[in-house]
Amino acid sequence: MNRLGVGSLGSRGLLRSTLALGLLSISPLGLPQAQGPDSIPEIAVAELPREARESISLIRKGGPFPFPRDGAVFGNFEKRLPAKARGYYREYTVRTPGARDRGARRIVAGRDGELYYTDDHYQSFKRIRGTP
């Protein structure tokens, strides 16, 4: 790191990397902004990968789920979803073709029926349109 606390990427490289990871988005004014609970984009169920639609079907049926961690409490530690009491959100795996582990894709379900999709292991979310 240099004396300003910026690593070898430099400030522009760091910004580009952060944007690429989905940690920031660009505001209408062209300024970077972090995704927070008030700026969650939406996605239609039909736009989701087939595996995500299959996971939603399992969630609605109550299982059976393919991974032991499916249905575990999602802590929302990154605070990317609206703040709720612990236990409000549950996470479910979305299979990733070719992955040898659970992969990075998840559906997070709220107690009131709302669903969120992430394909980058909680760095960003899309609210699934048509859910409460």
Protein backbone atom coordinates (compact mmCIF):
# COMPACT_ATOMS: atom_id res chain seq x y z
CA MET A 1 0.00 0.00 0.00
CA ASN A 2 1.12 3.51 -0.62
CA ARG A 3 0.99 6.32 1.94
CA LEU A 4 -2.64 7.08 1.03
CA GLY A 5 -3.74 3.52 1.79
CA VAL A 6 -4.33 2.64 -1.86
CA GLY A 7 -2.77 -0.62 -3.03
CA SER A 8 -1.08 -1.32 -6.32
CA LEU A 9 -4.36 -0.90 -8.23
CA GLY A 10 -4.40 2.84 -7.53
CA SER A 11 -7.62 4.70 -6.88
CA ARG A 12 -8.97 4.32 -10.45
CA GLY A 13 -8.15 0.62 -10.57
CA LEU A 14 -9.75 0.14 -7.17
CA LEU A 15 -12.91 1.93 -8.36
CA ARG A 16 -13.04 -0.17 -11.54
CA SER A 17 -12.58 -3.37 -9.52
CA THR A 18 -15.28 -2.34 -7.06
CA LEU A 19 -17.70 -1.55 -9.88
CA ALA A 20 -16.91 -4.85 -11.60
CA LEU A 21 -17.66 -6.78 -8.41
CA GLY A 22 -21.03 -5.06 -8.13
CA LEU A 23 -20.18 -3.41 -4.83
CA LEU A 24 -20.99 -0.01 -6.30
CA SER A 25 -23.32 1.16 -9.00
CA ILE A 26 -23.32 4.41 -10.95
CA SER A 27 -25.85 7.06 -10.02
CA PRO A 28 -27.72 9.05 -12.69
CA LEU A 29 -25.12 11.78 -12.18
CA GLY A 30 -22.32 9.33 -12.97
CA LEU A 31 -21.16 9.12 -9.37
CA PRO A 32 -20.54 5.71 -7.75
CA GLN A 33 -23.00 4.65 -5.07
CA ALA A 34 -23.19 1.52 -2.94
CA GLN A 35 -26.17 -0.77 -3.35
CA GLY A 36 -28.25 -0.51 -0.22
CA PRO A 37 -31.70 -1.63 0.79
CA ASP A 38 -33.30 1.45 -0.79
CA SER A 39 -31.68 0.90 -4.20
CA ILE A 40 -32.33 -2.77 -4.93
CA PRO A 41 -33.07 -3.34 -8.62
CA GLU A 42 -35.80 -5.77 -9.65
CA ILE A 43 -35.81 -8.82 -11.89
CA ALA A 44 -38.74 -10.78 -13.31
CA VAL A 45 -38.95 -14.49 -12.53
CA ALA A 46 -38.77 -15.20 -16.29
CA GLU A 47 -35.41 -13.38 -16.46
CA LEU A 48 -33.81 -15.60 -13.80
CA PRO A 49 -31.67 -18.59 -14.70
CA ARG A 50 -33.59 -21.89 -14.90
CA GLU A 51 -31.86 -23.11 -11.72
CA ALA A 52 -33.13 -20.06 -9.79
CA ARG A 53 -36.69 -20.72 -10.95
CA GLU A 54 -36.28 -24.33 -9.76
CA SER A 55 -35.10 -23.09 -6.35
CA ILE A 56 -38.13 -20.78 -6.08
CA SER A 57 -40.41 -23.74 -6.82
CA LEU A 58 -38.75 -25.75 -4.02
CA ILE A 59 -39.04 -22.81 -1.61
CA ARG A 60 -42.76 -22.49 -2.34
CA LYS A 61 -43.27 -26.25 -1.85
CA GLY A 62 -41.22 -26.28 1.36
CA GLY A 63 -38.54 -28.59 -0.06
CA PRO A 64 -36.94 -31.03 -0.19
CA PHE A 65 -33.79 -28.98 -0.61
CA PRO A 66 -30.58 -30.30 -2.17
CA PHE A 67 -28.12 -28.71 0.28
CA PRO A 68 -28.05 -29.00 4.09
CA ARG A 69 -27.62 -25.21 4.49
CA ASP A 70 -30.78 -24.44 2.51
CA GLY A 71 -33.24 -22.68 4.80
CA ALA A 72 -30.53 -21.39 7.15
CA VAL A 73 -30.94 -17.93 8.64
CA PHE A 74 -29.43 -15.22 6.43
CA GLY A 75 -27.88 -12.60 8.70
CA ASN A 76 -27.86 -9.67 6.24
CA PHE A 77 -24.51 -8.63 7.72
CA GLU A 78 -23.66 -6.70 4.54
CA LYS A 79 -26.90 -4.69 5.06
CA ARG A 80 -27.81 -4.93 1.38
CA LEU A 81 -31.41 -5.94 2.17
CA PRO A 82 -33.91 -3.97 4.26
CA ALA A 83 -33.15 -4.22 8.00
CA LYS A 84 -35.27 -6.83 9.76
CA ALA A 85 -35.07 -8.82 12.99
CA ARG A 86 -32.65 -11.75 13.04
CA GLY A 87 -34.32 -14.81 11.56
CA TYR A 88 -36.50 -12.83 9.14
CA TYR A 89 -34.46 -13.91 6.09
CA ARG A 90 -33.60 -17.45 4.99
CA GLU A 91 -31.13 -18.41 2.27
CA TYR A 92 -31.37 -21.10 -0.39
CA THR A 93 -28.80 -22.34 -2.88
CA VAL A 94 -29.27 -21.87 -6.60
CA ARG A 95 -27.33 -24.61 -8.36
CA THR A 96 -24.48 -23.41 -10.54
CA PRO A 97 -23.79 -25.74 -13.50
CA GLY A 98 -20.25 -27.07 -13.32
CA ALA A 99 -19.63 -25.89 -9.74
CA ARG A 100 -18.21 -28.48 -7.36
CA ASP A 101 -19.57 -26.64 -4.33
CA ARG A 102 -22.66 -24.53 -3.64
CA GLY A 103 -21.40 -21.76 -5.90
CA ALA A 104 -22.23 -18.07 -5.43
CA ARG A 105 -25.89 -18.00 -6.43
CA ARG A 106 -28.61 -17.75 -3.80
CA ILE A 107 -32.26 -16.90 -3.27
CA VAL A 108 -32.94 -15.07 0.00
CA ALA A 109 -36.54 -15.28 1.20
CA GLY A 110 -38.16 -12.88 3.62
CA ARG A 111 -40.76 -14.02 6.12
CA ASP A 112 -43.42 -11.95 4.33
CA GLY A 113 -42.79 -13.78 1.03
CA GLU A 114 -40.44 -11.37 -0.72
CA LEU A 115 -37.59 -13.01 -2.63
CA TYR A 116 -34.16 -11.70 -3.59
CA TYR A 117 -31.61 -13.16 -6.02
CA THR A 118 -27.84 -12.84 -5.83
CA ASP A 119 -25.37 -14.36 -8.25
CA ASP A 120 -22.27 -12.92 -6.55
CA HIS A 121 -22.54 -14.34 -3.02
CA TYR A 122 -24.40 -11.45 -1.37
CA GLN A 123 -22.43 -8.57 -2.92
CA SER A 124 -25.54 -7.40 -4.76
CA PHE A 125 -29.19 -8.41 -4.88
CA LYS A 126 -32.17 -8.12 -7.21
CA ARG A 127 -35.66 -8.23 -5.79
CA ILE A 128 -37.70 -10.80 -7.66
CA ARG A 129 -40.65 -8.92 -9.10
CA GLY A 130 -44.09 -10.17 -8.22
CA THR A 131 -43.27 -11.15 -4.64
CA PRO A 132 -44.72 -9.22 -1.70
